[in-house]
C-alpha atoms as a PDB file:
ATOM      1  CA  MET A   1       6.463  -0.463  13.772  1.00  0.00           C
ATOM      2  CA  LYS A   2       6.427   0.955  10.254  1.00  0.00           C
ATOM      3  CA  VAL A   3       3.500   0.141   7.948  1.00  0.00           C
ATOM      4  CA  LEU A   4       3.505  -0.338   4.164  1.00  0.00           C
ATOM      5  CA  VAL A   5       0.530   1.703   2.947  1.00  0.00           C
ATOM      6  CA  ASP A   6      -1.136   0.362  -0.208  1.00  0.00           C
ATOM      7  CA  THR A   7      -2.470   2.400  -3.109  1.00  0.00           C
ATOM      8  CA  SER A   8      -6.084   1.773  -2.074  1.00  0.00           C
ATOM      9  CA  ILE A   9      -5.619   3.724   1.172  1.00  0.00           C
ATOM     10  CA  TRP A  10      -3.716   6.593  -0.476  1.00  0.00           C
ATOM     11  CA  SER A  11      -6.383   6.791  -3.172  1.00  0.00           C
ATOM     12  CA  LEU A  12      -9.164   6.899  -0.612  1.00  0.00           C
ATOM     13  CA  ALA A  13      -7.419   9.727   1.231  1.00  0.00           C
ATOM     14  CA  LEU A  14      -6.063  11.765  -1.691  1.00  0.00           C
ATOM     15  CA  ARG A  15      -8.007  11.066  -4.853  1.00  0.00           C
ATOM     16  CA  ARG A  16     -11.621  10.668  -3.785  1.00  0.00           C
ATOM     17  CA  ASN A  17     -14.187  13.439  -3.475  1.00  0.00           C
ATOM     18  CA  LYS A  18     -15.144  12.462   0.066  1.00  0.00           C
ATOM     19  CA  PRO A  19     -14.551  14.655   3.095  1.00  0.00           C
ATOM     20  CA  LEU A  20     -11.293  14.011   4.911  1.00  0.00           C
ATOM     21  CA  GLY A  21     -11.741  12.016   8.071  1.00  0.00           C
ATOM     22  CA  SER A  22     -14.965  10.301   7.015  1.00  0.00           C
ATOM     23  CA  HIS A  23     -13.420   6.818   6.970  1.00  0.00           C
ATOM     24  CA  ASN A  24     -11.511   4.926   9.644  1.00  0.00           C
ATOM     25  CA  GLU A  25      -8.844   4.173   7.030  1.00  0.00           C
ATOM     26  CA  ILE A  26      -8.242   7.883   6.410  1.00  0.00           C
ATOM     27  CA  ILE A  27      -8.087   8.631  10.115  1.00  0.00           C
ATOM     28  CA  GLU A  28      -5.643   5.768  10.578  1.00  0.00           C
ATOM     29  CA  LEU A  29      -3.465   7.027   7.714  1.00  0.00           C
ATOM     30  CA  GLN A  30      -3.391  10.468   9.335  1.00  0.00           C
ATOM     31  CA  GLU A  31      -2.265   8.886  12.612  1.00  0.00           C
ATOM     32  CA  LEU A  32       0.424   6.800  10.904  1.00  0.00           C
ATOM     33  CA  ILE A  33       1.732   9.929   9.183  1.00  0.00           C
ATOM     34  CA  LYS A  34       1.841  11.829  12.503  1.00  0.00           C
ATOM     35  CA  GLU A  35       3.724   8.890  14.061  1.00  0.00           C
ATOM     36  CA  VAL A  36       6.170   8.777  11.104  1.00  0.00           C
ATOM     37  CA  ARG A  37       5.305   5.121  10.491  1.00  0.00           C
ATOM     38  CA  VAL A  38       4.338   5.244   6.806  1.00  0.00           C
ATOM     39  CA  GLN A  39       6.409   3.293   4.276  1.00  0.00           C
ATOM     40  CA  LEU A  40       6.095   3.651   0.525  1.00  0.00           C
ATOM     41  CA  ILE A  41       7.599   1.886  -2.476  1.00  0.00           C
ATOM     42  CA  GLY A  42       8.030   3.259  -5.991  1.00  0.00           C
ATOM     43  CA  PRO A  43       5.377   1.044  -7.634  1.00  0.00           C
ATOM     44  CA  ILE A  44       2.750   2.310  -5.171  1.00  0.00           C
ATOM     45  CA  ARG A  45       3.843   5.891  -5.873  1.00  0.00           C
ATOM     46  CA  GLN A  46       3.437   5.188  -9.598  1.00  0.00           C
ATOM     47  CA  GLU A  47      -0.070   3.766  -9.096  1.00  0.00           C
ATOM     48  CA  ILE A  48      -1.107   6.792  -7.015  1.00  0.00           C
ATOM     49  CA  LEU A  49       0.101   9.241  -9.659  1.00  0.00           C
ATOM     50  CA  SER A  50      -1.183   7.309 -12.681  1.00  0.00           C
ATOM     51  CA  GLY A  51      -4.392   8.262 -14.421  1.00  0.00           C
ATOM     52  CA  ILE A  52      -4.636  11.841 -13.194  1.00  0.00           C
ATOM     53  CA  LYS A  53      -6.078  13.919 -16.028  1.00  0.00           C
ATOM     54  CA  GLU A  54      -5.325  17.425 -14.784  1.00  0.00           C
ATOM     55  CA  LYS A  55      -1.659  18.488 -14.770  1.00  0.00           C
ATOM     56  CA  GLN A  56      -2.159  20.771 -11.738  1.00  0.00           C
ATOM     57  CA  GLN A  57      -3.754  17.956  -9.746  1.00  0.00           C
ATOM     58  CA  PHE A  58      -0.872  15.646 -10.736  1.00  0.00           C
ATOM     59  CA  LEU A  59       1.716  18.198  -9.600  1.00  0.00           C
ATOM     60  CA  LYS A  60      -0.105  18.801  -6.314  1.00  0.00           C
ATOM     61  CA  LEU A  61      -0.323  15.090  -5.567  1.00  0.00           C
ATOM     62  CA  LYS A  62       3.301  14.566  -6.599  1.00  0.00           C
ATOM     63  CA  LYS A  63       4.345  17.282  -4.146  1.00  0.00           C
ATOM     64  CA  ILE A  64       2.330  15.702  -1.321  1.00  0.00           C
ATOM     65  CA  MET A  65       3.833  12.281  -2.003  1.00  0.00           C
ATOM     66  CA  ALA A  66       7.373  13.711  -2.089  1.00  0.00           C
ATOM     67  CA  ALA A  67       7.213  13.856   1.710  1.00  0.00           C
ATOM     68  CA  PHE A  68       7.391  10.055   1.780  1.00  0.00           C
ATOM     69  CA  PRO A  69      10.688   8.539   0.587  1.00  0.00           C
ATOM     70  CA  ASP A  70      10.640   5.189  -1.170  1.00  0.00           C
ATOM     71  CA  LEU A  71      11.819   2.100   0.621  1.00  0.00           C
ATOM     72  CA  PRO A  72      14.629   0.695  -1.567  1.00  0.00           C
ATOM     73  CA  LEU A  73      13.841  -2.457  -3.528  1.00  0.00           C
ATOM     74  CA  ASN A  74      16.309  -5.189  -4.429  1.00  0.00           C
ATOM     75  CA  SER A  75      16.457  -8.182  -6.752  1.00  0.00           C
ATOM     76  CA  GLY A  76      15.331 -10.485  -3.970  1.00  0.00           C
ATOM     77  CA  ASP A  77      12.075  -8.539  -3.684  1.00  0.00           C
ATOM     78  CA  PHE A  78      11.261  -9.177  -7.330  1.00  0.00           C
ATOM     79  CA  GLU A  79      12.245 -12.841  -7.084  1.00  0.00           C
ATOM     80  CA  LEU A  80      10.086 -13.351  -4.000  1.00  0.00           C
ATOM     81  CA  ALA A  81       7.216 -11.514  -5.705  1.00  0.00           C
ATOM     82  CA  ALA A  82       7.481 -13.973  -8.624  1.00  0.00           C
ATOM     83  CA  GLU A  83       7.559 -16.883  -6.162  1.00  0.00           C
ATOM     84  CA  TYR A  84       4.423 -15.546  -4.485  1.00  0.00           C
ATOM     85  CA  PHE A  85       2.760 -15.137  -7.890  1.00  0.00           C
ATOM     86  CA  ASN A  86       3.508 -18.785  -8.699  1.00  0.00           C
ATOM     87  CA  THR A  87       2.444 -20.054  -5.268  1.00  0.00           C
ATOM     88  CA  LEU A  88      -0.870 -18.249  -5.392  1.00  0.00           C
ATOM     89  CA  ARG A  89      -1.530 -19.132  -9.005  1.00  0.00           C
ATOM     90  CA  ARG A  90      -1.187 -22.821  -8.088  1.00  0.00           C
ATOM     91  CA  GLN A  91      -3.933 -22.155  -5.522  1.00  0.00           C
ATOM     92  CA  GLY A  92      -6.129 -20.560  -8.202  1.00  0.00           C
ATOM     93  CA  ILE A  93      -5.588 -17.050  -6.847  1.00  0.00           C
ATOM     94  CA  GLN A  94      -4.672 -14.279  -9.245  1.00  0.00           C
ATOM     95  CA  GLY A  95      -3.261 -10.889  -8.439  1.00  0.00           C
ATOM     96  CA  SER A  96      -1.237  -8.044  -9.877  1.00  0.00           C
ATOM     97  CA  ASN A  97       2.537  -7.948 -10.081  1.00  0.00           C
ATOM     98  CA  THR A  98       2.439  -4.852  -7.887  1.00  0.00           C
ATOM     99  CA  ASP A  99       0.407  -6.665  -5.230  1.00  0.00           C
ATOM    100  CA  PHE A 100       2.946  -9.480  -5.106  1.00  0.00           C
ATOM    101  CA  LEU A 101       5.815  -7.000  -4.951  1.00  0.00           C
ATOM    102  CA  ILE A 102       4.071  -5.326  -2.006  1.00  0.00           C
ATOM    103  CA  CYS A 103       3.788  -8.741  -0.349  1.00  0.00           C
ATOM    104  CA  ALA A 104       7.476  -9.492  -0.959  1.00  0.00           C
ATOM    105  CA  VAL A 105       8.633  -6.142   0.420  1.00  0.00           C
ATOM    106  CA  SER A 106       6.314  -6.607   3.377  1.00  0.00           C
ATOM    107  CA  THR A 107       7.817 -10.025   4.106  1.00  0.00           C
ATOM    108  CA  ARG A 108      11.463  -8.946   3.710  1.00  0.00           C
ATOM    109  CA  ASN A 109      11.036  -5.866   5.896  1.00  0.00           C
ATOM    110  CA  LYS A 110       8.578  -7.414   8.353  1.00  0.00           C
ATOM    111  CA  LEU A 111       6.044  -4.680   7.614  1.00  0.00           C
ATOM    112  CA  PRO A 112       2.295  -5.105   7.899  1.00  0.00           C
ATOM    113  CA  ILE A 113       0.329  -4.001   4.826  1.00  0.00           C
ATOM    114  CA  PHE A 114      -2.363  -1.351   5.269  1.00  0.00           C
ATOM    115  CA  SER A 115      -4.921  -1.875   2.530  1.00  0.00           C
ATOM    116  CA  ASN A 116      -8.654  -2.078   2.056  1.00  0.00           C
ATOM    117  CA  ASP A 117      -8.145  -4.307  -0.999  1.00  0.00           C
ATOM    118  CA  ASN A 118      -9.749  -7.652  -0.136  1.00  0.00           C
ATOM    119  CA  ASP A 119      -7.215  -9.519  -2.308  1.00  0.00           C
ATOM    120  CA  PHE A 120      -4.664  -9.332   0.513  1.00  0.00           C
ATOM    121  CA  ASN A 121      -7.075 -11.363   2.699  1.00  0.00           C
ATOM    122  CA  HIS A 122      -6.834 -14.171   0.136  1.00  0.00           C
ATOM    123  CA  TYR A 123      -3.069 -13.879  -0.229  1.00  0.00           C
ATOM    124  CA  LYS A 124      -2.338 -14.139   3.492  1.00  0.00           C
ATOM    125  CA  LYS A 125      -3.900 -17.605   3.604  1.00  0.00           C
ATOM    126  CA  HIS A 126      -1.010 -18.898   1.476  1.00  0.00           C
ATOM    127  CA  ILE A 127       1.951 -16.550   1.960  1.00  0.00           C
ATOM    128  CA  PRO A 128       3.440 -15.041   5.151  1.00  0.00           C
ATOM    129  CA  ILE A 129       2.085 -11.502   5.106  1.00  0.00           C
ATOM    130  CA  THR A 130       0.363  -9.562   7.853  1.00  0.00           C
ATOM    131  CA  GLN A 131      -2.127  -6.743   7.566  1.00  0.00           C
ATOM    132  CA  HIS A 132      -2.416  -3.545   9.553  1.00  0.00           C
ATOM    133  CA  GLU A 133      -5.877  -2.878  10.918  1.00  0.00           C
ATOM    134  CA  PRO A 134      -7.116   0.621  11.756  1.00  0.00           C
ATOM    135  CA  ARG A 135      -7.211   1.313  15.473  1.00  0.00           C
ATOM    136  CA  THR A 136     -10.465   2.271  17.103  1.00  0.00           C
ATOM    137  CA  THR A 137     -10.682   6.025  16.828  1.00  0.00           C
ATOM    138  CA  LYS A 138     -12.034   8.532  19.321  1.00  0.00           C
ATOM    139  CA  ARG A 139     -13.331  10.990  16.736  1.00  0.00           C
END
């Protein structure tokens, strides 16, 4: 099964100054990449590439991310994202438009979301999303 990988995981793996392989999330991302199970959407790509100060670092990261094509979005994704926004807001839960778009794409494509952002734990209590958990590693 494919997995929609959130910005938080990509950032941990590609934008932090921590050694590669030091977190279960990074190891799991490496495994998902090897298994060709990673899914990406344009708004996540934009978040990953945003805020990079050095042009060379931006270009390097852009080249790395080019290996992962974007899952196409459609109008229904944006409408469902708005519905999720409204549903969660009525429950007193706030989130970003990108988070709700991730949830909508996840629902439409039946993809679990791989994230270490705790907000998704709150969302899944009220909307039909699933999360991908890192497997136990042998490293």
